[in-house]
PDB file of all heavy atoms in Angstrom:
ATOM      1  N   CYS A   1     108.409 103.775 100.819  1.00  0.00           N
ATOM      2  CA  CYS A   1     107.092 103.130 100.794  1.00  0.00           C
ATOM      3  C   CYS A   1     107.154 101.693 100.283  1.00  0.00           C
ATOM      4  O   CYS A   1     106.121 101.101  99.968  1.00  0.00           O
ATOM      5  CB  CYS A   1     106.118 103.936  99.937  1.00  0.00           C
ATOM      6  SG  CYS A   1     105.628 105.501 100.686  1.00  0.00           S
ATOM      7  N   SER A   2     108.334 101.146 100.206  1.00  0.00           N
ATOM      8  CA  SER A   2     108.478  99.779  99.707  1.00  0.00           C
ATOM      9  C   SER A   2     107.792  98.794 100.647  1.00  0.00           C
ATOM     10  O   SER A   2     107.813  98.952 101.864  1.00  0.00           O
ATOM     11  CB  SER A   2     109.961  99.414  99.591  1.00  0.00           C
ATOM     12  OG  SER A   2     110.127  98.053  99.256  1.00  0.00           O
ATOM     13  N   SER A   3     107.181  97.772 100.073  1.00  0.00           N
ATOM     14  CA  SER A   3     106.563  96.720 100.872  1.00  0.00           C
ATOM     15  C   SER A   3     107.530  95.569 101.125  1.00  0.00           C
ATOM     16  O   SER A   3     107.208  94.608 101.817  1.00  0.00           O
ATOM     17  CB  SER A   3     105.308  96.183 100.167  1.00  0.00           C
ATOM     18  OG  SER A   3     105.660  95.603  98.908  1.00  0.00           O
ATOM     19  N   GLN A   4     108.731  95.678 100.561  1.00  0.00           N
ATOM     20  CA  GLN A   4     109.733  94.638 100.751  1.00  0.00           C
ATOM     21  C   GLN A   4     110.274  94.666 102.183  1.00  0.00           C
ATOM     22  O   GLN A   4     110.420  95.727 102.787  1.00  0.00           O
ATOM     23  CB  GLN A   4     110.894  94.829  99.774  1.00  0.00           C
ATOM     24  CG  GLN A   4     110.524  94.606  98.315  1.00  0.00           C
ATOM     25  CD  GLN A   4     111.690  94.913  97.391  1.00  0.00           C
ATOM     26  OE1 GLN A   4     111.980  96.067  97.115  1.00  0.00           O
ATOM     27  NE2 GLN A   4     112.352  93.873  96.925  1.00  0.00           N
ATOM     28  N   THR A   5     110.565  93.497 102.696  1.00  0.00           N
ATOM     29  CA  THR A   5     111.150  93.403 104.039  1.00  0.00           C
ATOM     30  C   THR A   5     112.455  92.624 104.043  1.00  0.00           C
ATOM     31  O   THR A   5     113.238  92.734 104.977  1.00  0.00           O
ATOM     32  CB  THR A   5     110.165  92.714 105.009  1.00  0.00           C
ATOM     33  OG1 THR A   5     109.811  91.431 104.479  1.00  0.00           O
ATOM     34  CG2 THR A   5     108.908  93.548 105.196  1.00  0.00           C
ATOM     35  N   GLU A   6     112.678  91.840 102.998  1.00  0.00           N
ATOM     36  CA  GLU A   6     113.889  91.035 102.911  1.00  0.00           C
ATOM     37  C   GLU A   6     114.735  91.522 101.733  1.00  0.00           C
ATOM     38  O   GLU A   6     114.366  91.337 100.579  1.00  0.00           O
ATOM     39  CB  GLU A   6     113.550  89.555 102.731  1.00  0.00           C
ATOM     40  CG  GLU A   6     112.811  88.932 103.903  1.00  0.00           C
ATOM     41  CD  GLU A   6     113.673  88.875 105.148  1.00  0.00           C
ATOM     42  OE1 GLU A   6     114.924  88.793 105.015  1.00  0.00           O
ATOM     43  OE2 GLU A   6     113.105  88.925 106.253  1.00  0.00           O
ATOM     44  N   PRO A   7     115.860  92.160 102.000  1.00  0.00           N
ATOM     45  CA  PRO A   7     116.706  92.627 100.904  1.00  0.00           C
ATOM     46  C   PRO A   7     117.474  91.465 100.273  1.00  0.00           C
ATOM     47  O   PRO A   7     117.644  90.411 100.889  1.00  0.00           O
ATOM     48  CB  PRO A   7     117.666  93.591 101.606  1.00  0.00           C
ATOM     49  CG  PRO A   7     117.811  93.001 102.974  1.00  0.00           C
ATOM     50  CD  PRO A   7     116.443  92.457 103.316  1.00  0.00           C
ATOM     51  N   SER A   8     117.938  91.681  99.071  1.00  0.00           N
ATOM     52  CA  SER A   8     118.758  90.668  98.418  1.00  0.00           C
ATOM     53  C   SER A   8     120.126  90.631  99.077  1.00  0.00           C
ATOM     54  O   SER A   8     120.553  91.590  99.740  1.00  0.00           O
ATOM     55  CB  SER A   8     118.912  90.992  96.932  1.00  0.00           C
ATOM     56  OG  SER A   8     119.683  92.168  96.772  1.00  0.00           O
ATOM     57  N   ALA A   9     120.821  89.522  98.879  1.00  0.00           N
ATOM     58  CA  ALA A   9     122.178  89.399  99.408  1.00  0.00           C
ATOM     59  C   ALA A   9     123.078  90.478  98.809  1.00  0.00           C
ATOM     60  O   ALA A   9     123.986  91.000  99.470  1.00  0.00           O
ATOM     61  CB  ALA A   9     122.731  88.013  99.102  1.00  0.00           C
ATOM     62  N   GLN A  10     122.779  90.849  97.561  1.00  0.00           N
ATOM     63  CA  GLN A  10     123.563  91.872  96.875  1.00  0.00           C
ATOM     64  C   GLN A  10     123.407  93.233  97.561  1.00  0.00           C
ATOM     65  O   GLN A  10     124.392  93.968  97.735  1.00  0.00           O
ATOM     66  CB  GLN A  10     123.128  91.967  95.415  1.00  0.00           C
ATOM     67  CG  GLN A  10     123.917  92.970  94.588  1.00  0.00           C
ATOM     68  CD  GLN A  10     123.448  93.028  93.141  1.00  0.00           C
ATOM     69  OE1 GLN A  10     122.505  92.331  92.762  1.00  0.00           O
ATOM     70  NE2 GLN A  10     124.094  93.843  92.338  1.00  0.00           N
ATOM     71  N   THR A  11     122.181  93.560  97.957  1.00  0.00           N
ATOM     72  CA  THR A  11     121.926  94.836  98.628  1.00  0.00           C
ATOM     73  C   THR A  11     122.630  94.885  99.984  1.00  0.00           C
ATOM     74  O   THR A  11     123.265  95.894 100.341  1.00  0.00           O
ATOM     75  CB  THR A  11     120.414  95.053  98.816  1.00  0.00           C
ATOM     76  OG1 THR A  11     119.805  95.217  97.536  1.00  0.00           O
ATOM     77  CG2 THR A  11     120.135  96.293  99.649  1.00  0.00           C
ATOM     78  N   VAL A  12     122.520  93.820 100.744  1.00  0.00           N
ATOM     79  CA  VAL A  12     123.161  93.773 102.062  1.00  0.00           C
ATOM     80  C   VAL A  12     124.682  93.874 101.915  1.00  0.00           C
ATOM     81  O   VAL A  12     125.342  94.617 102.662  1.00  0.00           O
ATOM     82  CB  VAL A  12     122.777  92.486 102.814  1.00  0.00           C
ATOM     83  CG1 VAL A  12     123.551  92.390 104.130  1.00  0.00           C
ATOM     84  CG2 VAL A  12     121.284  92.455 103.079  1.00  0.00           C
ATOM     85  N   ALA A  13     125.223  93.149 100.945  1.00  0.00           N
ATOM     86  CA  ALA A  13     126.673  93.187 100.720  1.00  0.00           C
ATOM     87  C   ALA A  13     127.129  94.592 100.334  1.00  0.00           C
ATOM     88  O   ALA A  13     128.190  95.062 100.774  1.00  0.00           O
ATOM     89  CB  ALA A  13     127.054  92.189  99.627  1.00  0.00           C
ATOM     90  N   PHE A  14     126.324  95.267  99.512  1.00  0.00           N
ATOM     91  CA  PHE A  14     126.668  96.635  99.112  1.00  0.00           C
ATOM     92  C   PHE A  14     126.722  97.554 100.333  1.00  0.00           C
ATOM     93  O   PHE A  14     127.666  98.345 100.485  1.00  0.00           O
ATOM     94  CB  PHE A  14     125.642  97.166  98.109  1.00  0.00           C
ATOM     95  CG  PHE A  14     125.828  98.627  97.789  1.00  0.00           C
ATOM     96  CD1 PHE A  14     126.722  99.037  96.814  1.00  0.00           C
ATOM     97  CD2 PHE A  14     125.123  99.603  98.485  1.00  0.00           C
ATOM     98  CE1 PHE A  14     126.915 100.385  96.542  1.00  0.00           C
ATOM     99  CE2 PHE A  14     125.304 100.952  98.216  1.00  0.00           C
ATOM    100  CZ  PHE A  14     126.206 101.344  97.237  1.00  0.00           C
ATOM    101  N   LEU A  15     125.729  97.460 101.194  1.00  0.00           N
ATOM    102  CA  LEU A  15     125.682  98.330 102.371  1.00  0.00           C
ATOM    103  C   LEU A  15     126.827  98.024 103.337  1.00  0.00           C
ATOM    104  O   LEU A  15     127.410  98.932 103.939  1.00  0.00           O
ATOM    105  CB  LEU A  15     124.331  98.191 103.061  1.00  0.00           C
ATOM    106  CG  LEU A  15     123.127  98.717 102.273  1.00  0.00           C
ATOM    107  CD1 LEU A  15     121.824  98.404 103.003  1.00  0.00           C
ATOM    108  CD2 LEU A  15     123.236 100.222 102.025  1.00  0.00           C
ATOM    109  N   ILE A  16     127.152  96.752 103.479  1.00  0.00           N
ATOM    110  CA  ILE A  16     128.279  96.368 104.334  1.00  0.00           C
ATOM    111  C   ILE A  16     129.582  96.973 103.798  1.00  0.00           C
ATOM    112  O   ILE A  16     130.370  97.568 104.546  1.00  0.00           O
ATOM    113  CB  ILE A  16     128.394  94.827 104.424  1.00  0.00           C
ATOM    114  CG1 ILE A  16     127.240  94.263 105.248  1.00  0.00           C
ATOM    115  CG2 ILE A  16     129.739  94.415 105.028  1.00  0.00           C
ATOM    116  CD1 ILE A  16     127.143  92.749 105.225  1.00  0.00           C
ATOM    117  N   ASP A  17     129.774  96.824 102.493  1.00  0.00           N
ATOM    118  CA  ASP A  17     130.986  97.379 101.875  1.00  0.00           C
ATOM    119  C   ASP A  17     131.027  98.896 102.002  1.00  0.00           C
ATOM    120  O   ASP A  17     132.093  99.482 102.233  1.00  0.00           O
ATOM    121  CB  ASP A  17     131.060  96.973 100.403  1.00  0.00           C
ATOM    122  CG  ASP A  17     131.340  95.494 100.207  1.00  0.00           C
ATOM    123  OD1 ASP A  17     131.802  94.847 101.173  1.00  0.00           O
ATOM    124  OD2 ASP A  17     131.089  94.984  99.088  1.00  0.00           O
ATOM    125  N   LYS A  18     129.866  99.528 101.865  1.00  0.00           N
ATOM    126  CA  LYS A  18     129.804 100.991 101.938  1.00  0.00           C
ATOM    127  C   LYS A  18     130.172 101.477 103.336  1.00  0.00           C
ATOM    128  O   LYS A  18     130.900 102.470 103.495  1.00  0.00           O
ATOM    129  CB  LYS A  18     128.383 101.459 101.578  1.00  0.00           C
ATOM    130  CG  LYS A  18     128.317 102.895 101.090  1.00  0.00           C
ATOM    131  CD  LYS A  18     129.022 103.017  99.759  1.00  0.00           C
ATOM    132  CE  LYS A  18     128.915 104.408  99.186  1.00  0.00           C
ATOM    133  NZ  LYS A  18     129.862 104.631  98.078  1.00  0.00           N
ATOM    134  N   VAL A  19     129.666 100.793 104.350  1.00  0.00           N
ATOM    135  CA  VAL A  19     129.987 101.161 105.736  1.00  0.00           C
ATOM    136  C   VAL A  19     131.492 101.045 105.972  1.00  0.00           C
ATOM    137  O   VAL A  19     132.110 101.929 106.579  1.00  0.00           O
ATOM    138  CB  VAL A  19     129.212 100.263 106.722  1.00  0.00           C
ATOM    139  CG1 VAL A  19     129.735 100.458 108.150  1.00  0.00           C
ATOM    140  CG2 VAL A  19     127.726 100.583 106.674  1.00  0.00           C
ATOM    141  N   LYS A  20     132.083  99.963 105.471  1.00  0.00           N
ATOM    142  CA  LYS A  20     133.521  99.751 105.664  1.00  0.00           C
ATOM    143  C   LYS A  20     134.354 100.758 104.878  1.00  0.00           C
ATOM    144  O   LYS A  20     135.274 101.380 105.414  1.00  0.00           O
ATOM    145  CB  LYS A  20     133.895  98.331 105.233  1.00  0.00           C
ATOM    146  CG  LYS A  20     133.355  97.233 106.138  1.00  0.00           C
ATOM    147  CD  LYS A  20     133.736  95.862 105.594  1.00  0.00           C
ATOM    148  CE  LYS A  20     133.247  94.735 106.495  1.00  0.00           C
ATOM    149  NZ  LYS A  20     133.586  93.391 105.929  1.00  0.00           N
ATOM    150  N   GLU A  21     134.022 100.929 103.602  1.00  0.00           N
ATOM    151  CA  GLU A  21     134.814 101.804 102.730  1.00  0.00           C
ATOM    152  C   GLU A  21     134.774 103.259 103.181  1.00  0.00           C
ATOM    153  O   GLU A  21     135.789 103.960 103.172  1.00  0.00           O
ATOM    154  CB  GLU A  21     134.306 101.696 101.297  1.00  0.00           C
ATOM    155  CG  GLU A  21     134.584 100.358 100.625  1.00  0.00           C
ATOM    156  CD  GLU A  21     133.837 100.206  99.318  1.00  0.00           C
ATOM    157  OE1 GLU A  21     133.203 101.201  98.872  1.00  0.00           O
ATOM    158  OE2 GLU A  21     133.872  99.101  98.727  1.00  0.00           O
ATOM    159  N   ASP A  22     133.597 103.718 103.569  1.00  0.00           N
ATOM    160  CA  ASP A  22     133.440 105.130 103.933  1.00  0.00           C
ATOM    161  C   ASP A  22     133.616 105.372 105.431  1.00  0.00           C
ATOM    162  O   ASP A  22     133.459 106.494 105.899  1.00  0.00           O
ATOM    163  CB  ASP A  22     132.063 105.634 103.483  1.00  0.00           C
ATOM    164  CG  ASP A  22     131.903 105.575 101.969  1.00  0.00           C
ATOM    165  OD1 ASP A  22     132.906 105.318 101.273  1.00  0.00           O
ATOM    166  OD2 ASP A  22     130.776 105.781 101.487  1.00  0.00           O
ATOM    167  N   GLN A  23     133.900 104.301 106.173  1.00  0.00           N
ATOM    168  CA  GLN A  23     134.122 104.391 107.623  1.00  0.00           C
ATOM    169  C   GLN A  23     132.967 105.115 108.320  1.00  0.00           C
ATOM    170  O   GLN A  23     133.163 106.014 109.141  1.00  0.00           O
ATOM    171  CB  GLN A  23     135.455 105.082 107.915  1.00  0.00           C
ATOM    172  CG  GLN A  23     136.652 104.338 107.357  1.00  0.00           C
ATOM    173  CD  GLN A  23     137.984 104.979 107.704  1.00  0.00           C
ATOM    174  OE1 GLN A  23     138.070 106.175 107.972  1.00  0.00           O
ATOM    175  NE2 GLN A  23     139.036 104.181 107.703  1.00  0.00           N
ATOM    176  N   VAL A  24     131.775 104.686 107.950  1.00  0.00           N
ATOM    177  CA  VAL A  24     130.565 105.280 108.526  1.00  0.00           C
ATOM    178  C   VAL A  24     130.466 104.887 109.999  1.00  0.00           C
ATOM    179  O   VAL A  24     130.576 103.705 110.335  1.00  0.00           O
ATOM    180  CB  VAL A  24     129.321 104.790 107.754  1.00  0.00           C
ATOM    181  CG1 VAL A  24     128.038 105.256 108.432  1.00  0.00           C
ATOM    182  CG2 VAL A  24     129.373 105.286 106.316  1.00  0.00           C
ATOM    183  N   PRO A  25     130.255 105.839 110.911  1.00  0.00           N
ATOM    184  CA  PRO A  25     130.290 105.546 112.347  1.00  0.00           C
ATOM    185  C   PRO A  25     128.995 105.016 112.954  1.00  0.00           C
ATOM    186  O   PRO A  25     128.983 104.558 114.094  1.00  0.00           O
ATOM    187  CB  PRO A  25     130.641 106.901 112.967  1.00  0.00           C
ATOM    188  CG  PRO A  25     130.059 107.898 112.024  1.00  0.00           C
ATOM    189  CD  PRO A  25     130.208 107.289 110.654  1.00  0.00           C
ATOM    190  N   LEU A  26     127.882 105.075 112.190  1.00  0.00           N
ATOM    191  CA  LEU A  26     126.599 104.682 112.759  1.00  0.00           C
ATOM    192  C   LEU A  26     125.681 104.164 111.658  1.00  0.00           C
ATOM    193  O   LEU A  26     125.572 104.785 110.596  1.00  0.00           O
ATOM    194  CB  LEU A  26     125.947 105.883 113.451  1.00  0.00           C
ATOM    195  CG  LEU A  26     124.974 105.642 114.601  1.00  0.00           C
ATOM    196  CD1 LEU A  26     125.615 104.843 115.719  1.00  0.00           C
ATOM    197  CD2 LEU A  26     124.452 106.966 115.134  1.00  0.00           C
ATOM    198  N   ILE A  27     125.032 103.040 111.904  1.00  0.00           N
ATOM    199  CA  ILE A  27     124.048 102.481 110.970  1.00  0.00           C
ATOM    200  C   ILE A  27     122.664 102.800 111.522  1.00  0.00           C
ATOM    201  O   ILE A  27     122.366 102.482 112.677  1.00  0.00           O
ATOM    202  CB  ILE A  27     124.218 100.959 110.829  1.00  0.00           C
ATOM    203  CG1 ILE A  27     125.619 100.638 110.328  1.00  0.00           C
ATOM    204  CG2 ILE A  27     123.155 100.395 109.882  1.00  0.00           C
ATOM    205  CD1 ILE A  27     126.035  99.209 110.584  1.00  0.00           C
ATOM    206  N   LEU A  28     121.830 103.411 110.714  1.00  0.00           N
ATOM    207  CA  LEU A  28     120.544 103.912 111.197  1.00  0.00           C
ATOM    208  C   LEU A  28     119.379 103.016 110.782  1.00  0.00           C
ATOM    209  O   LEU A  28     119.460 102.289 109.793  1.00  0.00           O
ATOM    210  CB  LEU A  28     120.320 105.331 110.668  1.00  0.00           C
ATOM    211  CG  LEU A  28     121.435 106.336 110.986  1.00  0.00           C
ATOM    212  CD1 LEU A  28     121.166 107.669 110.296  1.00  0.00           C
ATOM    213  CD2 LEU A  28     121.587 106.531 112.485  1.00  0.00           C
ATOM    214  N   TYR A  29     118.314 103.103 111.551  1.00  0.00           N
ATOM    215  CA  TYR A  29     117.059 102.415 111.223  1.00  0.00           C
ATOM    216  C   TYR A  29     115.905 103.258 111.753  1.00  0.00           C
ATOM    217  O   TYR A  29     116.075 104.035 112.694  1.00  0.00           O
ATOM    218  CB  TYR A  29     117.016 100.998 111.817  1.00  0.00           C
ATOM    219  CG  TYR A  29     117.133 100.938 113.320  1.00  0.00           C
ATOM    220  CD1 TYR A  29     116.011 101.043 114.137  1.00  0.00           C
ATOM    221  CD2 TYR A  29     118.376 100.765 113.938  1.00  0.00           C
ATOM    222  CE1 TYR A  29     116.107 101.000 115.515  1.00  0.00           C
ATOM    223  CE2 TYR A  29     118.478 100.711 115.325  1.00  0.00           C
ATOM    224  CZ  TYR A  29     117.351 100.825 116.103  1.00  0.00           C
ATOM    225  OH  TYR A  29     117.448 100.791 117.468  1.00  0.00           O
ATOM    226  N   PRO A  30     114.710 103.157 111.171  1.00  0.00           N
ATOM    227  CA  PRO A  30     113.576 103.999 111.576  1.00  0.00           C
ATOM    228  C   PRO A  30     112.849 103.443 112.791  1.00  0.00           C
ATOM    229  O   PRO A  30     113.058 102.295 113.199  1.00  0.00           O
ATOM    230  CB  PRO A  30     112.670 103.975 110.343  1.00  0.00           C
ATOM    231  CG  PRO A  30     112.928 102.617 109.754  1.00  0.00           C
ATOM    232  CD  PRO A  30     114.382 102.331 109.989  1.00  0.00           C
ATOM    233  N   GLU A  31     111.974 104.238 113.351  1.00  0.00           N
ATOM    234  CA  GLU A  31     111.147 103.809 114.476  1.00  0.00           C
ATOM    235  C   GLU A  31     110.257 102.641 114.089  1.00  0.00           C
ATOM    236  O   GLU A  31     109.901 102.479 112.918  1.00  0.00           O
ATOM    237  CB  GLU A  31     110.281 104.963 115.001  1.00  0.00           C
ATOM    238  CG  GLU A  31     109.168 105.422 114.081  1.00  0.00           C
ATOM    239  CD  GLU A  31     109.596 106.503 113.114  1.00  0.00           C
ATOM    240  OE1 GLU A  31     110.817 106.642 112.837  1.00  0.00           O
ATOM    241  OE2 GLU A  31     108.720 107.220 112.609  1.00  0.00           O
ATOM    242  N   LEU A  32     109.919 101.820 115.067  1.00  0.00           N
ATOM    243  CA  LEU A  32     109.038 100.665 114.915  1.00  0.00           C
ATOM    244  C   LEU A  32     109.598  99.621 113.955  1.00  0.00           C
ATOM    245  O   LEU A  32     108.867  98.800 113.414  1.00  0.00           O
ATOM    246  CB  LEU A  32     107.635 101.107 114.465  1.00  0.00           C
ATOM    247  CG  LEU A  32     106.956 102.171 115.347  1.00  0.00           C
ATOM    248  CD1 LEU A  32     105.603 102.561 114.763  1.00  0.00           C
ATOM    249  CD2 LEU A  32     106.809 101.676 116.773  1.00  0.00           C
ATOM    250  N   SER A  33     110.886  99.654 113.727  1.00  0.00           N
ATOM    251  CA  SER A  33     111.549  98.687 112.865  1.00  0.00           C
ATOM    252  C   SER A  33     112.059  97.510 113.693  1.00  0.00           C
ATOM    253  O   SER A  33     112.401  97.668 114.872  1.00  0.00           O
ATOM    254  CB  SER A  33     112.734  99.351 112.152  1.00  0.00           C
ATOM    255  OG  SER A  33     113.580  98.395 111.557  1.00  0.00           O
ATOM    256  N   THR A  34     112.117  96.344 113.068  1.00  0.00           N
ATOM    257  CA  THR A  34     112.744  95.197 113.736  1.00  0.00           C
ATOM    258  C   THR A  34     114.257  95.330 113.696  1.00  0.00           C
ATOM    259  O   THR A  34     114.958  94.600 114.394  1.00  0.00           O
ATOM    260  CB  THR A  34     112.352  93.885 113.035  1.00  0.00           C
ATOM    261  OG1 THR A  34     112.802  93.924 111.679  1.00  0.00           O
ATOM    262  CG2 THR A  34     110.839  93.678 113.064  1.00  0.00           C
ATOM    263  N   HIS A  35     114.750  96.241 112.905  1.00  0.00           N
ATOM    264  CA  HIS A  35     116.159  96.549 112.642  1.00  0.00           C
ATOM    265  C   HIS A  35     117.045  95.306 112.435  1.00  0.00           C
ATOM    266  O   HIS A  35     118.217  95.287 112.823  1.00  0.00           O
ATOM    267  CB  HIS A  35     116.756  97.482 113.694  1.00  0.00           C
ATOM    268  CG  HIS A  35     116.515  97.125 115.134  1.00  0.00           C
ATOM    269  ND1 HIS A  35     117.307  96.242 115.825  1.00  0.00           N
ATOM    270  CD2 HIS A  35     115.572  97.557 116.007  1.00  0.00           C
ATOM    271  CE1 HIS A  35     116.870  96.145 117.067  1.00  0.00           C
ATOM    272  NE2 HIS A  35     115.821  96.921 117.203  1.00  0.00           N
ATOM    273  N   THR A  36     116.479  94.284 111.833  1.00  0.00           N
ATOM    274  CA  THR A  36     117.258  93.072 111.561  1.00  0.00           C
ATOM    275  C   THR A  36     118.319  93.311 110.490  1.00  0.00           C
ATOM    276  O   THR A  36     119.421  92.749 110.565  1.00  0.00           O
ATOM    277  CB  THR A  36     116.345  91.915 111.116  1.00  0.00           C
ATOM    278  OG1 THR A  36     115.536  92.340 110.013  1.00  0.00           O
ATOM    279  CG2 THR A  36     115.421  91.478 112.249  1.00  0.00           C
ATOM    280  N   ILE A  37     117.996  94.125 109.487  1.00  0.00           N
ATOM    281  CA  ILE A  37     118.975  94.413 108.438  1.00  0.00           C
ATOM    282  C   ILE A  37     120.117  95.241 109.006  1.00  0.00           C
ATOM    283  O   ILE A  37     121.300  94.950 108.770  1.00  0.00           O
ATOM    284  CB  ILE A  37     118.319  95.155 107.259  1.00  0.00           C
ATOM    285  CG1 ILE A  37     117.127  94.373 106.710  1.00  0.00           C
ATOM    286  CG2 ILE A  37     119.338  95.415 106.151  1.00  0.00           C
ATOM    287  CD1 ILE A  37     116.296  95.136 105.706  1.00  0.00           C
ATOM    288  N   ALA A  38     119.783  96.273 109.781  1.00  0.00           N
ATOM    289  CA  ALA A  38     120.810  97.104 110.404  1.00  0.00           C
ATOM    290  C   ALA A  38     121.692  96.264 111.327  1.00  0.00           C
ATOM    291  O   ALA A  38     122.920  96.432 111.362  1.00  0.00           O
ATOM    292  CB  ALA A  38     120.155  98.244 111.182  1.00  0.00           C
ATOM    293  N   ASP A  39     121.074  95.339 112.066  1.00  0.00           N
ATOM    294  CA  ASP A  39     121.836  94.472 112.969  1.00  0.00           C
ATOM    295  C   ASP A  39     122.787  93.561 112.194  1.00  0.00           C
ATOM    296  O   ASP A  39     123.920  93.304 112.627  1.00  0.00           O
ATOM    297  CB  ASP A  39     120.886  93.621 113.818  1.00  0.00           C
ATOM    298  CG  ASP A  39     120.156  94.434 114.882  1.00  0.00           C
ATOM    299  OD1 ASP A  39     120.560  95.579 115.130  1.00  0.00           O
ATOM    300  OD2 ASP A  39     119.177  93.914 115.446  1.00  0.00           O
ATOM    301  N   ALA A  40     122.314  93.057 111.051  1.00  0.00           N
ATOM    302  CA  ALA A  40     123.155  92.181 110.239  1.00  0.00           C
ATOM    303  C   ALA A  40     124.374  92.939 109.704  1.00  0.00           C
ATOM    304  O   ALA A  40     125.502  92.416 109.697  1.00  0.00           O
ATOM    305  CB  ALA A  40     122.349  91.605 109.080  1.00  0.00           C
ATOM    306  N   ILE A  41     124.154  94.171 109.274  1.00  0.00           N
ATOM    307  CA  ILE A  41     125.265  95.002 108.784  1.00  0.00           C
ATOM    308  C   ILE A  41     126.220  95.318 109.928  1.00  0.00           C
ATOM    309  O   ILE A  41     127.443  95.282 109.772  1.00  0.00           O
ATOM    310  CB  ILE A  41     124.724  96.307 108.152  1.00  0.00           C
ATOM    311  CG1 ILE A  41     123.833  95.991 106.949  1.00  0.00           C
ATOM    312  CG2 ILE A  41     125.874  97.218 107.731  1.00  0.00           C
ATOM    313  CD1 ILE A  41     123.077  97.189 106.416  1.00  0.00           C
ATOM    314  N   SER A  42     125.649  95.595 111.095  1.00  0.00           N
ATOM    315  CA  SER A  42     126.465  95.890 112.272  1.00  0.00           C
ATOM    316  C   SER A  42     127.338  94.700 112.660  1.00  0.00           C
ATOM    317  O   SER A  42     128.515  94.851 113.020  1.00  0.00           O
ATOM    318  CB  SER A  42     125.555  96.267 113.444  1.00  0.00           C
ATOM    319  OG  SER A  42     126.293  96.462 114.628  1.00  0.00           O
ATOM    320  N   GLU A  43     126.758  93.521 112.571  1.00  0.00           N
ATOM    321  CA  GLU A  43     127.497  92.308 112.942  1.00  0.00           C
ATOM    322  C   GLU A  43     128.701  92.085 112.037  1.00  0.00           C
ATOM    323  O   GLU A  43     129.758  91.621 112.479  1.00  0.00           O
ATOM    324  CB  GLU A  43     126.543  91.113 112.866  1.00  0.00           C
ATOM    325  CG  GLU A  43     127.086  89.850 113.521  1.00  0.00           C
ATOM    326  CD  GLU A  43     126.036  88.752 113.579  1.00  0.00           C
ATOM    327  OE1 GLU A  43     124.883  89.047 113.950  1.00  0.00           O
ATOM    328  OE2 GLU A  43     126.377  87.610 113.236  1.00  0.00           O
TER     329      GLU A  43
END
């Protein structure tokens, strides 16, 4: 229920590292999302 839309650089960096370290095969996002954060992590 957060009203935030722009995560901190620290949060994005954490998620990027987590995807790499745990070799996660898919980054998820909810319906009706702009999925810009997920796209940035994917990139």
